[in-house]
Amino acid sequence: MSTLPVFLSTHRPRSFRVLLLSVGSAALLSPIAATSSSADVSTFGSPLSVPATLNTAENLGYPGTNTAVPPAPDAPNGIFHTFHYGADTALWNVGLAAGDPRVPMTGQALKVSLEGCAQQVSGGPAPLTEIHFQDITSLPGGGAKVNITSQGFNIPICGQGGANGSTVSTYEPINLCVSQGDYVAFNDDGGYVPNVYRNGVPFQVIGAASGSTMDSFLKDGGTGNGATMSAGETSANDGFATNHGEELMMRVTLGTGNDATHICPGGKHGAPPVLAPIRVSPQTDGINHSRIVAIAVFCRISPCKGTATLTVPGDATYAGEATYGRVGFSLQANKTVHLPIRVKAELVKKIRAKHGVSMKLAAAVNGQTITQRITVKIL
């Protein structure tokens, strides 16, 4: 299979689309291996084992309508053709002769490898080449609901730069989150041009594969985010169709855990650091005549309630860590407060004898404990 560079489209997406954060680059890569490169990266979908020889204009399961066509680039003699609407189209595999088309784990679609190209009508204008990828959830009665749509990409034009049905182009969506059990769909804007692309642009991205089944949904403005692509919505020219023996030649690289953006459920990559609810800096504090040590504490949350404990690790007197003071607190958020802790008389003796004692403060808030070294002296 050959590979071609794919560049992002400069077309403005239709208004019904809700796209993801920003536009990224489409990468030039070789076909994706079926094995995982790490525990958090895997692939699923079509094995890309046959070339894409079928297209969205001629090979979807819509009966269409016979329409007289005047002389045009695709019908120079003015003959009858069978047409379905050249409208927005979604394609997704629901059964594969080899492999599983469903998302195996919740995460991020890192890359999408698509085989094929967009056909240009002989003598006609350049076809629309903008495509998208979508996470969709199957519906109980058949069909699917669109959850999220990627930014736009450009598919190569057949015959230009050697592009054909065996060309594999790899795209990198921005934050395309996918859920376990969902499907990833191919989506296009139709590309209808009167008397030229009557069925829409022929996107040659489908392979003939016995044992595979591909669903499709065709409707003007009906495949955007939140759209319900119901199996009960059918007509000769648009709506839902099941296409047996056909396979969308598309494979997805899935990232989870550390290899998925934190924006997606379960993803950890790029997540901001989790700040502790309370901050205590290393410090030296004095003890007063009432055996009270005031320790500077900053709370980030509200309410800020917990318990603070002062201990001396490795205390020879107690053959281990000894506790010399404990206090419950309820502090004001976003403000440094000097938390008073009354300590035992034995600690004062140690401080006098050693001219200061290094202690450990443990502050427990919301099930999280923060520790810090504190030096206590008689000042």
Protein backbone atom coordinates (compact mmCIF):
# COMPACT_ATOMS: atom_id res chain seq x y z
CA MET A 1 0.00 0.00 0.00
CA SER A 2 1.25 3.47 -0.85
CA THR A 3 1.16 6.47 1.44
CA LEU A 4 0.58 10.13 0.71
CA PRO A 5 0.85 13.30 2.79
CA VAL A 6 -2.49 14.71 3.88
CA PHE A 7 -2.94 18.36 4.75
CA LEU A 8 -5.59 20.03 6.86
CA SER A 9 -8.47 21.58 4.98
CA THR A 10 -8.83 25.33 4.72
CA HIS A 11 -12.61 24.96 4.27
CA ARG A 12 -14.72 26.28 7.10
CA PRO A 13 -16.77 23.44 8.65
CA ARG A 14 -20.56 23.58 8.43
CA SER A 15 -22.26 25.46 11.24
CA PHE A 16 -23.88 22.36 12.77
CA ARG A 17 -20.56 20.83 13.69
CA VAL A 18 -19.08 21.27 17.17
CA LEU A 19 -15.39 20.68 16.64
CA LEU A 20 -12.64 19.87 19.11
CA LEU A 21 -10.51 22.60 20.74
CA SER A 22 -8.16 23.34 17.81
CA VAL A 23 -6.92 22.07 14.48
CA GLY A 24 -3.97 19.70 14.51
CA SER A 25 -1.71 18.29 11.84
CA ALA A 26 -2.36 15.24 9.71
CA ALA A 27 0.71 13.08 9.90
CA LEU A 28 2.29 11.04 7.14
CA LEU A 29 2.82 7.57 8.52
CA SER A 30 3.03 4.02 7.23
CA PRO A 31 0.12 1.62 7.88
CA ILE A 32 -0.40 0.97 11.58
CA ALA A 33 0.68 -2.37 12.98
CA ALA A 34 -2.01 -4.45 14.61
CA THR A 35 0.03 -5.03 17.75
CA SER A 36 0.32 -2.59 20.64
CA SER A 37 3.51 -0.61 21.16
CA SER A 38 2.82 -0.18 24.88
CA ALA A 39 0.32 -1.25 27.48
CA ASP A 40 -1.72 1.95 27.01
CA VAL A 41 -1.74 1.99 23.17
CA SER A 42 -3.65 -0.46 20.97
CA THR A 43 -5.38 -0.58 17.58
CA PHE A 44 -8.80 -1.69 16.45
CA GLY A 45 -10.95 -1.62 13.33
CA SER A 46 -10.28 -2.76 9.79
CA PRO A 47 -7.02 -4.67 9.22
CA LEU A 48 -6.75 -2.78 5.87
CA SER A 49 -6.23 -6.12 4.14
CA VAL A 50 -7.93 -5.21 0.84
CA PRO A 51 -7.83 -2.05 -1.28
CA ALA A 52 -10.67 0.46 -1.21
CA THR A 53 -12.41 -0.19 -4.53
CA LEU A 54 -15.94 1.01 -3.64
CA ASN A 55 -17.19 4.53 -2.98
CA THR A 56 -19.92 6.51 -1.23
CA ALA A 57 -21.59 7.71 -4.44
CA GLU A 58 -22.17 4.35 -6.11
CA ASN A 59 -21.88 1.57 -3.55
CA LEU A 60 -24.17 2.39 -0.61
CA GLY A 61 -27.47 0.56 -0.08
CA TYR A 62 -29.87 3.28 -1.23
CA PRO A 63 -32.20 2.44 -4.17
CA GLY A 64 -32.04 6.05 -5.33
CA THR A 65 -34.23 7.78 -7.88
CA ASN A 66 -33.94 7.60 -11.67
CA THR A 67 -33.31 11.12 -12.89
CA ALA A 68 -32.69 12.49 -16.37
CA VAL A 69 -29.31 14.11 -16.59
CA PRO A 70 -28.53 16.69 -19.27
CA PRO A 71 -25.14 16.59 -20.97
CA ALA A 72 -22.58 16.98 -18.22
CA PRO A 73 -19.06 15.77 -17.42
CA ASP A 74 -20.43 12.53 -15.92
CA ALA A 75 -23.23 12.10 -18.53
CA PRO A 76 -22.15 13.66 -21.85
CA ASN A 77 -25.09 12.17 -23.75
CA GLY A 78 -27.81 13.24 -21.35
CA ILE A 79 -28.87 9.82 -20.02
CA PHE A 80 -30.82 8.55 -16.99
CA HIS A 81 -28.93 7.88 -13.81
CA THR A 82 -29.98 6.56 -10.40
CA PHE A 83 -29.15 9.07 -7.68
CA HIS A 84 -29.31 9.29 -3.92
CA TYR A 85 -28.86 12.64 -2.23
CA GLY A 86 -25.34 14.08 -2.22
CA ALA A 87 -25.63 15.02 1.45
CA ASP A 88 -23.69 14.62 4.68
CA THR A 89 -22.65 10.99 5.11
CA ALA A 90 -21.47 8.83 8.00
CA LEU A 91 -19.99 5.34 7.56
CA TRP A 92 -19.04 2.87 10.28
CA ASN A 93 -18.23 -0.83 10.48
CA VAL A 94 -20.54 -2.91 12.67
CA GLY A 95 -19.05 -6.29 11.79
CA LEU A 96 -15.65 -7.30 10.48
CA ALA A 97 -14.51 -10.51 8.85
CA ALA A 98 -11.33 -10.08 10.92
CA GLY A 99 -11.25 -8.02 14.11
CA ASP A 100 -13.75 -6.02 16.12
CA PRO A 101 -14.99 -2.59 15.01
CA ARG A 102 -16.00 -1.51 18.51
CA VAL A 103 -13.88 0.67 20.80
CA PRO A 104 -12.26 -1.82 23.23
CA MET A 105 -11.60 0.65 26.06
CA THR A 106 -12.55 4.21 26.94
CA GLY A 107 -9.80 6.62 25.95
CA GLN A 108 -8.58 8.79 23.06
CA ALA A 109 -8.41 8.10 19.32
CA LEU A 110 -4.78 9.11 18.83
CA LYS A 111 -4.58 8.33 15.12
CA VAL A 112 -6.91 7.23 12.37
CA SER A 113 -5.50 5.39 9.34
CA LEU A 114 -7.79 5.57 6.30
CA GLU A 115 -7.32 3.78 3.01
CA GLY A 116 -8.47 5.39 -0.22
CA CYS A 117 -9.04 8.75 -1.89
CA ALA A 118 -11.71 11.11 -3.28
CA GLN A 119 -12.61 10.62 -6.94
CA GLN A 120 -12.68 13.60 -9.29
CA VAL A 121 -15.18 13.53 -12.15
CA SER A 122 -13.42 13.66 -15.51
CA GLY A 123 -13.51 17.24 -16.74
CA GLY A 124 -15.26 18.42 -13.58
CA PRO A 125 -14.12 20.68 -10.73
CA ALA A 126 -11.95 19.42 -7.92
CA PRO A 127 -14.03 17.48 -5.40
CA LEU A 128 -14.63 18.42 -1.80
CA THR A 129 -11.95 16.56 0.15
CA GLU A 130 -12.77 17.54 3.73
CA ILE A 131 -13.53 14.63 6.04
CA HIS A 132 -14.05 14.11 9.78
CA PHE A 133 -14.02 11.28 12.31
CA GLN A 134 -16.66 10.72 14.97
CA ASP A 135 -17.34 8.76 18.14
CA ILE A 136 -20.84 7.30 17.88
CA THR A 137 -22.95 5.15 20.22
CA SER A 138 -25.22 2.41 18.86
CA LEU A 139 -28.97 2.77 19.44
CA PRO A 140 -31.19 -0.05 20.77
CA GLY A 141 -33.23 -0.23 17.58
CA GLY A 142 -30.29 0.13 15.23
CA GLY A 143 -28.38 3.12 13.98
CA ALA A 144 -26.30 5.36 16.21
CA LYS A 145 -26.05 8.71 17.97
CA VAL A 146 -23.17 11.08 17.24
CA ASN A 147 -21.24 12.10 20.35
CA ILE A 148 -18.28 14.11 19.11
CA THR A 149 -16.68 15.11 15.81
CA SER A 150 -13.02 15.73 15.03
CA GLN A 151 -11.57 18.69 13.26
CA GLY A 152 -11.52 18.61 9.46
CA PHE A 153 -8.88 16.78 7.43
CA ASN A 154 -8.25 16.48 3.69
CA ILE A 155 -8.26 13.13 1.94
CA PRO A 156 -6.05 12.85 -1.20
CA ILE A 157 -7.63 13.02 -4.65
CA CYS A 158 -7.43 9.81 -6.65
CA GLY A 159 -4.79 10.00 -9.37
CA GLN A 160 -2.97 12.97 -7.89
CA GLY A 161 0.49 12.17 -6.55
CA GLY A 162 -0.16 8.49 -7.12
CA ALA A 163 -3.14 8.31 -4.76
CA ASN A 164 -5.43 5.31 -5.27
CA GLY A 165 -7.53 2.80 -3.40
CA SER A 166 -4.45 1.35 -1.70
CA THR A 167 -3.19 4.66 -0.37
CA VAL A 168 -3.20 4.78 3.43
CA SER A 169 -3.25 8.22 5.05
CA THR A 170 -2.96 8.66 8.81
CA TYR A 171 -4.60 11.54 10.67
CA GLU A 172 -4.19 12.77 14.24
CA PRO A 173 -7.45 14.11 15.72
CA ILE A 174 -7.31 16.62 18.54
CA ASN A 175 -8.93 15.28 21.74
CA LEU A 176 -11.22 12.79 20.01
CA CYS A 177 -12.52 10.98 23.10
CA VAL A 178 -14.06 7.55 22.57
CA SER A 179 -15.97 5.24 24.90
CA GLN A 180 -15.83 1.48 25.30
CA GLY A 181 -18.39 -0.23 23.07
CA ASP A 182 -18.78 2.77 20.75
CA TYR A 183 -17.82 2.95 17.07
CA VAL A 184 -15.56 5.39 15.25
CA ALA A 185 -17.19 6.67 12.06
CA PHE A 186 -15.97 8.29 8.85
CA ASN A 187 -17.88 11.46 8.02
CA ASP A 188 -18.03 13.76 5.01
CA ASP A 189 -20.06 16.81 3.98
CA GLY A 190 -21.40 15.26 0.79
CA GLY A 191 -19.83 17.64 -1.69
CA TYR A 192 -22.92 17.90 -3.93
CA VAL A 193 -22.44 19.87 -7.19
CA PRO A 194 -25.37 20.01 -9.66
CA ASN A 195 -24.94 17.78 -12.72
CA VAL A 196 -21.43 16.85 -11.58
CA TYR A 197 -21.40 15.33 -8.08
CA ARG A 198 -25.11 14.50 -7.94
CA ASN A 199 -24.55 11.67 -5.45
CA GLY A 200 -21.95 13.68 -3.60
CA VAL A 201 -18.23 13.21 -4.00
CA PRO A 202 -17.30 9.54 -4.52
CA PHE A 203 -15.17 8.92 -1.45
CA GLN A 204 -13.41 5.70 -2.38
CA VAL A 205 -12.84 4.40 1.16
CA ILE A 206 -14.82 1.13 1.10
CA GLY A 207 -13.45 -2.34 0.43
CA ALA A 208 -15.28 -5.45 -0.77
CA ALA A 209 -14.95 -7.85 2.18
CA SER A 210 -17.07 -10.98 2.58
CA GLY A 211 -18.17 -11.33 6.19
CA SER A 212 -17.99 -7.61 6.97
CA THR A 213 -20.95 -5.24 7.41
CA MET A 214 -20.89 -1.46 7.22
CA ASP A 215 -23.73 0.85 8.23
CA SER A 216 -24.27 4.26 6.69
CA PHE A 217 -26.44 7.29 7.27
CA LEU A 218 -27.00 10.00 4.70
CA LYS A 219 -28.87 13.21 5.46
CA ASP A 220 -28.32 16.91 4.90
CA GLY A 221 -27.34 18.36 8.28
CA GLY A 222 -28.13 15.04 9.93
CA THR A 223 -24.75 13.66 10.97
CA GLY A 224 -23.42 16.34 13.31
CA ASN A 225 -22.87 16.22 17.07
CA GLY A 226 -25.95 15.02 18.91
CA ALA A 227 -27.61 13.73 15.73
CA THR A 228 -29.68 10.55 15.99
CA MET A 229 -28.99 8.37 12.95
CA SER A 230 -31.94 6.02 13.42
CA ALA A 231 -32.24 2.72 11.58
CA GLY A 232 -35.95 3.50 11.27
CA GLU A 233 -35.25 6.54 9.10
CA THR A 234 -35.01 5.21 5.55
CA SER A 235 -35.91 6.37 2.07
CA ALA A 236 -34.71 5.65 -1.43
CA ASN A 237 -32.41 8.63 -1.28
CA ASP A 238 -31.18 9.07 2.28
CA GLY A 239 -31.37 7.91 5.89
CA PHE A 240 -30.00 4.63 7.23
CA ALA A 241 -28.68 1.69 5.20
CA THR A 242 -26.90 -1.57 5.99
CA ASN A 243 -24.22 -2.57 3.51
CA HIS A 244 -23.30 -6.27 3.63
CA GLY A 245 -19.98 -7.46 2.24
CA GLU A 246 -18.55 -3.96 2.53
CA GLU A 247 -15.91 -2.64 4.94
CA LEU A 248 -14.88 0.90 5.77
CA MET A 249 -11.11 0.74 5.33
CA MET A 250 -10.26 2.55 8.53
CA ARG A 251 -8.16 1.59 11.54
CA VAL A 252 -7.87 3.49 14.85
CA THR A 253 -4.94 3.79 17.24
CA LEU A 254 -6.34 4.02 20.76
CA GLY A 255 -4.61 5.60 23.75
CA THR A 256 -5.66 5.03 27.36
CA GLY A 257 -4.25 5.98 30.76
CA ASN A 258 -0.94 7.79 30.41
CA ASP A 259 -1.24 7.74 26.60
CA ALA A 260 -4.61 9.54 26.52
CA THR A 261 -5.19 13.21 27.18
CA HIS A 262 -6.60 14.03 30.59
CA ILE A 263 -9.50 15.71 28.80
CA CYS A 264 -10.83 12.25 27.92
CA PRO A 265 -12.27 9.99 30.66
CA GLY A 266 -9.53 7.87 32.22
CA GLY A 267 -6.77 9.81 30.43
CA LYS A 268 -3.82 11.11 32.41
CA HIS A 269 -1.48 12.73 29.88
CA GLY A 270 -1.03 16.46 30.41
CA ALA A 271 -3.11 16.55 33.57
CA PRO A 272 -2.28 19.49 35.86
CA PRO A 273 -0.66 18.53 39.15
CA VAL A 274 -3.07 17.81 41.95
CA LEU A 275 -2.42 20.26 44.74
CA ALA A 276 -2.64 19.13 48.33
CA PRO A 277 -5.58 20.67 50.23
CA ILE A 278 -3.17 22.14 52.77
CA ARG A 279 0.37 23.55 52.55
CA VAL A 280 2.93 23.64 55.33
CA SER A 281 6.41 24.96 54.55
CA PRO A 282 9.61 24.02 56.44
CA GLN A 283 9.87 26.45 59.34
CA THR A 284 11.33 27.17 62.75
CA ASP A 285 8.81 28.07 65.44
CA GLY A 286 9.15 29.15 69.04
CA ILE A 287 7.38 27.66 72.03
CA ASN A 288 5.90 30.00 74.64
CA HIS A 289 5.54 29.67 78.40
CA SER A 290 2.15 27.92 77.93
CA ARG A 291 3.87 25.20 75.83
CA ILE A 292 2.12 26.37 72.66
CA VAL A 293 3.76 26.21 69.22
CA ALA A 294 2.09 28.27 66.46
CA ILE A 295 2.69 26.65 63.06
CA ALA A 296 2.04 28.53 59.80
CA VAL A 297 -0.50 26.63 57.68
CA PHE A 298 -2.17 27.57 54.36
CA CYS A 299 -5.47 25.95 53.36
CA ARG A 300 -6.49 25.75 49.66
CA ILE A 301 -9.99 24.38 50.19
CA SER A 302 -13.16 25.27 52.04
CA PRO A 303 -14.15 23.92 54.43
CA CYS A 304 -10.66 23.18 55.72
CA LYS A 305 -11.17 20.82 58.63
CA GLY A 306 -8.76 18.23 59.96
CA THR A 307 -6.27 17.19 62.62
CA ALA A 308 -2.63 18.20 63.12
CA THR A 309 -0.16 16.03 65.03
CA LEU A 310 3.39 16.85 66.21
CA THR A 311 5.75 13.90 66.66
CA VAL A 312 9.44 13.23 67.13
CA PRO A 313 10.54 10.36 64.87
CA GLY A 314 12.94 7.86 66.42
CA ASP A 315 12.39 9.16 69.94
CA ALA A 316 14.65 7.12 72.24
CA THR A 317 12.36 7.71 75.21
CA TYR A 318 9.44 5.96 73.53
CA ALA A 319 11.47 3.54 71.34
CA GLY A 320 9.90 4.93 68.23
CA GLU A 321 7.86 7.86 67.01
CA ALA A 322 6.40 9.77 69.94
CA THR A 323 3.42 12.11 69.79
CA TYR A 324 3.82 15.35 71.77
CA GLY A 325 0.87 17.37 70.55
CA ARG A 326 -2.40 17.06 68.64
CA VAL A 327 -5.16 19.51 67.75
CA GLY A 328 -8.26 19.55 65.58
CA PHE A 329 -8.75 22.56 63.34
CA SER A 330 -11.20 24.37 61.10
CA LEU A 331 -9.32 27.03 59.15
CA GLN A 332 -10.18 29.78 56.72
CA ALA A 333 -9.43 28.95 53.09
CA ASN A 334 -6.87 30.82 50.98
CA LYS A 335 -5.25 32.41 54.00
CA THR A 336 -2.14 31.59 56.03
CA VAL A 337 -3.09 30.86 59.63
CA HIS A 338 -0.82 30.18 62.62
CA LEU A 339 -2.22 26.99 64.07
CA PRO A 340 -1.60 26.73 67.85
CA ILE A 341 -0.64 23.28 69.16
CA ARG A 342 -0.09 22.69 72.90
CA VAL A 343 2.69 20.18 73.50
CA LYS A 344 3.63 17.95 76.44
CA ALA A 345 5.96 19.15 79.19
CA GLU A 346 8.48 16.44 78.25
CA LEU A 347 9.04 18.18 74.92
CA VAL A 348 10.00 21.44 76.61
CA LYS A 349 12.73 19.58 78.50
CA LYS A 350 14.05 18.12 75.27
CA ILE A 351 14.06 21.51 73.59
CA ARG A 352 16.02 23.08 76.46
CA ALA A 353 18.48 20.19 76.56
CA LYS A 354 19.11 20.15 72.82
CA HIS A 355 18.52 23.85 72.08
CA GLY A 356 15.75 22.85 69.69
CA VAL A 357 14.00 19.73 68.42
CA SER A 358 13.25 18.64 64.87
CA MET A 359 9.68 17.39 64.71
CA LYS A 360 7.25 16.07 62.13
CA LEU A 361 3.94 17.78 61.59
CA ALA A 362 1.22 15.61 60.05
CA ALA A 363 -1.92 17.46 58.97
CA ALA A 364 -4.84 15.26 57.81
CA VAL A 365 -7.52 16.89 55.65
CA ASN A 366 -10.20 15.12 53.58
CA GLY A 367 -8.49 11.77 53.95
CA GLN A 368 -5.13 13.13 52.75
CA THR A 369 -2.17 13.59 55.11
CA ILE A 370 0.54 16.18 54.48
CA THR A 371 3.77 15.96 56.47
CA GLN A 372 6.53 18.51 57.02
CA ARG A 373 9.64 18.92 59.21
CA ILE A 374 9.27 21.61 61.87
CA THR A 375 12.06 22.86 64.16
CA VAL A 376 10.84 23.93 67.58
CA LYS A 377 12.98 26.16 69.77
CA ILE A 378 12.67 28.37 72.85
CA LEU A 379 13.01 31.84 71.37
